Amino acid sequence: TNLMSIALYVDAGIQASKYCNVGTFAVLIYDYCITLDAESQWVWHRKWTFVRFIFTASRYLPFFGIGLTFVAALRTQYYPGESVSYAIPYTRSIR
């Protein structure tokens, strides 16, 4: 029973992590949409400088990073209770 409650705790943490990733992506998209007009006015029609390069990198690299996070989450196959099946052989060997 104690092992099962630990597994449920781990499962809830993994699910919460997925929700946080989706929420972060939503905030990123929202921020991009509300500042796109100002970006086009103040950044797009200027010459390339170091400051513009840093701004552009910090503006668009998070999309790349969150894309990699989504790909990793989709490639990871995790089933609820899976953490229990890994822990059971170790707890039996301890006794």
N, C-alpha and C. Protein backbone atom coordinates (compact mmCIF):
# COMPACT_ATOMS: atom_id res chain seq x y z
N THR A 1 0.81 -1.19 0.00
CA THR A 1 0.00 0.00 0.00
C THR A 1 0.86 1.26 0.00
N ASN A 2 1.92 1.26 0.78
CA ASN A 2 2.79 2.42 0.81
C ASN A 2 3.44 2.64 -0.55
N LEU A 3 3.84 1.53 -1.19
CA LEU A 3 4.45 1.61 -2.51
C LEU A 3 3.47 2.14 -3.53
N MET A 4 2.21 1.75 -3.42
CA MET A 4 1.19 2.21 -4.35
C MET A 4 0.93 3.70 -4.17
N SER A 5 0.93 4.18 -2.93
CA SER A 5 0.71 5.61 -2.71
C SER A 5 1.88 6.43 -3.25
N ILE A 6 3.08 5.89 -3.17
CA ILE A 6 4.24 6.57 -3.76
C ILE A 6 4.09 6.63 -5.27
N ALA A 7 3.63 5.53 -5.87
CA ALA A 7 3.43 5.49 -7.33
C ALA A 7 2.37 6.49 -7.76
N LEU A 8 1.30 6.60 -7.01
CA LEU A 8 0.27 7.57 -7.34
C LEU A 8 0.80 8.99 -7.21
N TYR A 9 1.65 9.22 -6.23
CA TYR A 9 2.27 10.54 -6.06
C TYR A 9 3.16 10.87 -7.26
N VAL A 10 3.94 9.90 -7.71
CA VAL A 10 4.80 10.09 -8.88
C VAL A 10 3.96 10.32 -10.12
N ASP A 11 2.89 9.54 -10.30
CA ASP A 11 2.00 9.71 -11.44
C ASP A 11 1.38 11.11 -11.46
N ALA A 12 0.96 11.59 -10.31
CA ALA A 12 0.37 12.93 -10.22
C ALA A 12 1.40 13.99 -10.57
N GLY A 13 2.64 13.78 -10.16
CA GLY A 13 3.70 14.74 -10.48
C GLY A 13 3.99 14.80 -11.97
N ILE A 14 3.97 13.65 -12.62
CA ILE A 14 4.21 13.61 -14.07
C ILE A 14 3.06 14.30 -14.79
N GLN A 15 1.84 14.05 -14.37
CA GLN A 15 0.69 14.70 -14.99
C GLN A 15 0.74 16.21 -14.76
N ALA A 16 1.10 16.64 -13.57
CA ALA A 16 1.22 18.07 -13.29
C ALA A 16 2.30 18.71 -14.15
N SER A 17 3.38 18.01 -14.37
CA SER A 17 4.44 18.51 -15.24
C SER A 17 3.95 18.72 -16.66
N LYS A 18 3.15 17.78 -17.15
CA LYS A 18 2.59 17.93 -18.50
C LYS A 18 1.66 19.13 -18.58
N TYR A 19 0.84 19.32 -17.55
CA TYR A 19 -0.06 20.47 -17.52
C TYR A 19 0.73 21.78 -17.49
N CYS A 20 1.81 21.81 -16.74
CA CYS A 20 2.64 23.01 -16.67
C CYS A 20 3.27 23.32 -18.02
N ASN A 21 3.70 22.28 -18.74
CA ASN A 21 4.26 22.49 -20.07
C ASN A 21 3.23 23.10 -21.02
N VAL A 22 2.01 22.59 -20.99
CA VAL A 22 0.96 23.13 -21.86
C VAL A 22 0.62 24.56 -21.45
N GLY A 23 0.55 24.82 -20.16
CA GLY A 23 0.27 26.17 -19.68
C GLY A 23 1.35 27.16 -20.08
N THR A 24 2.59 26.73 -19.98
CA THR A 24 3.71 27.59 -20.38
C THR A 24 3.65 27.91 -21.87
N PHE A 25 3.31 26.92 -22.67
CA PHE A 25 3.18 27.13 -24.10
C PHE A 25 2.05 28.13 -24.40
N ALA A 26 0.94 28.02 -23.68
CA ALA A 26 -0.17 28.95 -23.87
C ALA A 26 0.23 30.38 -23.52
N VAL A 27 0.97 30.56 -22.44
CA VAL A 27 1.45 31.90 -22.07
C VAL A 27 2.42 32.44 -23.11
N LEU A 28 3.29 31.58 -23.63
CA LEU A 28 4.24 31.99 -24.65
C LEU A 28 3.51 32.46 -25.92
N ILE A 29 2.52 31.71 -26.35
CA ILE A 29 1.74 32.10 -27.54
C ILE A 29 0.98 33.40 -27.28
N TYR A 30 0.39 33.52 -26.10
CA TYR A 30 -0.34 34.75 -25.75
C TYR A 30 0.59 35.96 -25.77
N ASP A 31 1.76 35.83 -25.17
CA ASP A 31 2.73 36.92 -25.16
C ASP A 31 3.15 37.29 -26.57
N TYR A 32 3.38 36.29 -27.39
CA TYR A 32 3.78 36.55 -28.77
C TYR A 32 2.69 37.32 -29.51
N CYS A 33 1.44 36.90 -29.34
CA CYS A 33 0.33 37.54 -30.06
C CYS A 33 0.10 38.98 -29.63
N ILE A 34 0.21 39.27 -28.34
CA ILE A 34 -0.09 40.63 -27.89
C ILE A 34 1.06 41.60 -28.15
N THR A 35 2.26 41.09 -28.40
CA THR A 35 3.38 41.99 -28.65
C THR A 35 3.86 41.97 -30.10
N LEU A 36 3.17 41.24 -30.96
CA LEU A 36 3.59 41.14 -32.36
C LEU A 36 3.53 42.48 -33.08
N ASP A 37 2.50 43.26 -32.82
CA ASP A 37 2.37 44.57 -33.46
C ASP A 37 3.53 45.49 -33.09
N ALA A 38 3.85 45.56 -31.82
CA ALA A 38 4.97 46.40 -31.38
C ALA A 38 6.30 45.88 -31.93
N GLU A 39 6.44 44.56 -32.00
CA GLU A 39 7.67 44.00 -32.54
C GLU A 39 7.85 44.37 -34.01
N SER A 40 6.76 44.28 -34.76
CA SER A 40 6.88 44.62 -36.19
C SER A 40 7.19 46.11 -36.37
N GLN A 41 6.70 46.94 -35.50
CA GLN A 41 6.94 48.38 -35.60
C GLN A 41 8.37 48.75 -35.20
N TRP A 42 8.86 48.16 -34.11
CA TRP A 42 10.13 48.60 -33.54
C TRP A 42 11.33 47.74 -33.90
N VAL A 43 11.11 46.53 -34.40
CA VAL A 43 12.24 45.62 -34.59
C VAL A 43 12.42 45.21 -36.05
N TRP A 44 11.37 44.81 -36.71
CA TRP A 44 11.49 44.18 -38.02
C TRP A 44 12.11 45.08 -39.09
N HIS A 45 11.86 46.36 -39.03
CA HIS A 45 12.34 47.26 -40.08
C HIS A 45 13.63 47.99 -39.70
N ARG A 46 14.31 47.50 -38.74
CA ARG A 46 15.59 48.09 -38.31
C ARG A 46 16.75 47.26 -38.85
N LYS A 47 17.92 47.88 -38.88
CA LYS A 47 19.10 47.13 -39.32
C LYS A 47 19.51 46.16 -38.21
N TRP A 48 20.25 45.14 -38.63
CA TRP A 48 20.69 44.12 -37.67
C TRP A 48 21.84 44.66 -36.83
N THR A 49 21.63 44.63 -35.52
CA THR A 49 22.66 45.00 -34.56
C THR A 49 22.77 43.86 -33.55
N PHE A 50 23.70 43.98 -32.66
CA PHE A 50 23.86 42.97 -31.62
C PHE A 50 22.60 42.89 -30.75
N VAL A 51 22.03 44.04 -30.42
CA VAL A 51 20.84 44.09 -29.58
C VAL A 51 19.66 43.42 -30.29
N ARG A 52 19.50 43.68 -31.59
CA ARG A 52 18.41 43.04 -32.32
C ARG A 52 18.62 41.53 -32.40
N PHE A 53 19.85 41.11 -32.57
CA PHE A 53 20.14 39.68 -32.60
C PHE A 53 19.77 39.02 -31.27
N ILE A 54 20.17 39.63 -30.16
CA ILE A 54 19.85 39.08 -28.84
C ILE A 54 18.34 39.06 -28.62
N PHE A 55 17.67 40.14 -29.01
CA PHE A 55 16.21 40.19 -28.88
C PHE A 55 15.55 39.07 -29.68
N THR A 56 15.96 38.92 -30.93
CA THR A 56 15.36 37.90 -31.80
C THR A 56 15.62 36.50 -31.26
N ALA A 57 16.84 36.27 -30.79
CA ALA A 57 17.15 34.95 -30.23
C ALA A 57 16.31 34.67 -28.99
N SER A 58 16.19 35.65 -28.10
CA SER A 58 15.42 35.43 -26.87
C SER A 58 13.93 35.38 -27.15
N ARG A 59 13.51 35.92 -28.26
CA ARG A 59 12.09 35.92 -28.62
C ARG A 59 11.66 34.60 -29.26
N TYR A 60 12.53 34.00 -30.08
CA TYR A 60 12.11 32.84 -30.86
C TYR A 60 12.72 31.51 -30.40
N LEU A 61 13.82 31.52 -29.66
CA LEU A 61 14.38 30.26 -29.16
C LEU A 61 13.45 29.50 -28.20
N PRO A 62 12.65 30.19 -27.38
CA PRO A 62 11.73 29.43 -26.53
C PRO A 62 10.74 28.56 -27.32
N PHE A 63 10.35 28.99 -28.52
CA PHE A 63 9.48 28.15 -29.35
C PHE A 63 10.19 26.86 -29.73
N PHE A 64 11.46 26.97 -30.04
CA PHE A 64 12.26 25.78 -30.36
C PHE A 64 12.37 24.88 -29.13
N GLY A 65 12.64 25.47 -27.99
CA GLY A 65 12.77 24.69 -26.75
C GLY A 65 11.48 24.00 -26.36
N ILE A 66 10.36 24.70 -26.46
CA ILE A 66 9.09 24.07 -26.08
C ILE A 66 8.70 23.02 -27.11
N GLY A 67 9.11 23.22 -28.35
CA GLY A 67 8.88 22.19 -29.37
C GLY A 67 9.63 20.91 -29.03
N LEU A 68 10.87 21.05 -28.60
CA LEU A 68 11.64 19.87 -28.19
C LEU A 68 11.01 19.19 -26.97
N THR A 69 10.48 19.99 -26.06
CA THR A 69 9.81 19.43 -24.89
C THR A 69 8.59 18.62 -25.29
N PHE A 70 7.80 19.16 -26.24
CA PHE A 70 6.62 18.43 -26.70
C PHE A 70 7.01 17.14 -27.42
N VAL A 71 8.05 17.19 -28.23
CA VAL A 71 8.49 15.99 -28.93
C VAL A 71 8.94 14.93 -27.91
N ALA A 72 9.69 15.35 -26.92
CA ALA A 72 10.14 14.40 -25.89
C ALA A 72 8.96 13.83 -25.12
N ALA A 73 7.96 14.65 -24.83
CA ALA A 73 6.79 14.17 -24.10
C ALA A 73 5.99 13.19 -24.95
N LEU A 74 5.91 13.43 -26.24
CA LEU A 74 5.17 12.52 -27.11
C LEU A 74 5.91 11.20 -27.31
N ARG A 75 7.23 11.25 -27.29
CA ARG A 75 8.02 10.03 -27.49
C ARG A 75 8.10 9.20 -26.22
N THR A 76 7.86 9.80 -25.07
CA THR A 76 7.92 9.08 -23.81
C THR A 76 6.61 8.35 -23.60
N GLN A 77 6.69 7.05 -23.47
CA GLN A 77 5.49 6.27 -23.19
C GLN A 77 5.47 5.95 -21.70
N TYR A 78 4.55 6.54 -21.03
CA TYR A 78 4.43 6.34 -19.59
C TYR A 78 3.00 5.95 -19.29
N TYR A 79 2.83 4.92 -18.50
CA TYR A 79 1.51 4.46 -18.14
C TYR A 79 1.34 4.58 -16.63
N PRO A 80 0.17 5.03 -16.17
CA PRO A 80 -0.05 5.15 -14.73
C PRO A 80 0.25 3.85 -14.00
N GLY A 81 0.97 3.95 -12.92
CA GLY A 81 1.34 2.79 -12.14
C GLY A 81 2.63 2.13 -12.61
N GLU A 82 3.21 2.64 -13.67
CA GLU A 82 4.43 2.05 -14.20
C GLU A 82 5.57 2.14 -13.19
N SER A 83 5.59 3.21 -12.40
CA SER A 83 6.65 3.37 -11.42
C SER A 83 6.61 2.26 -10.38
N VAL A 84 5.43 1.69 -10.13
CA VAL A 84 5.30 0.59 -9.18
C VAL A 84 5.98 -0.66 -9.72
N SER A 85 5.78 -0.94 -11.01
CA SER A 85 6.35 -2.16 -11.58
C SER A 85 7.88 -2.13 -11.55
N TYR A 86 8.47 -0.93 -11.61
CA TYR A 86 9.93 -0.84 -11.50
C TYR A 86 10.40 -0.98 -10.06
N ALA A 87 9.59 -0.53 -9.13
CA ALA A 87 10.00 -0.52 -7.73
C ALA A 87 9.81 -1.87 -7.04
N ILE A 88 8.86 -2.66 -7.47
CA ILE A 88 8.55 -3.92 -6.79
C ILE A 88 9.74 -4.88 -6.76
N PRO A 89 10.46 -5.13 -7.87
CA PRO A 89 11.60 -6.04 -7.77
C PRO A 89 12.67 -5.57 -6.77
N TYR A 90 12.85 -4.26 -6.66
CA TYR A 90 13.87 -3.75 -5.74
C TYR A 90 13.43 -3.91 -4.29
N THR A 91 12.14 -3.74 -4.03
CA THR A 91 11.68 -3.88 -2.64
C THR A 91 11.72 -5.33 -2.21
N ARG A 92 11.51 -6.24 -3.12
CA ARG A 92 11.59 -7.67 -2.77
C ARG A 92 13.02 -8.09 -2.49
N SER A 93 13.98 -7.51 -3.20
CA SER A 93 15.37 -7.88 -2.98
C SER A 93 15.91 -7.30 -1.68
N ILE A 94 15.29 -6.26 -1.17
CA ILE A 94 15.74 -5.64 0.08
C ILE A 94 15.37 -6.52 1.27
N ARG A 95 14.23 -7.18 1.19
CA ARG A 95 13.76 -7.99 2.32
C ARG A 95 14.57 -9.19 2.54
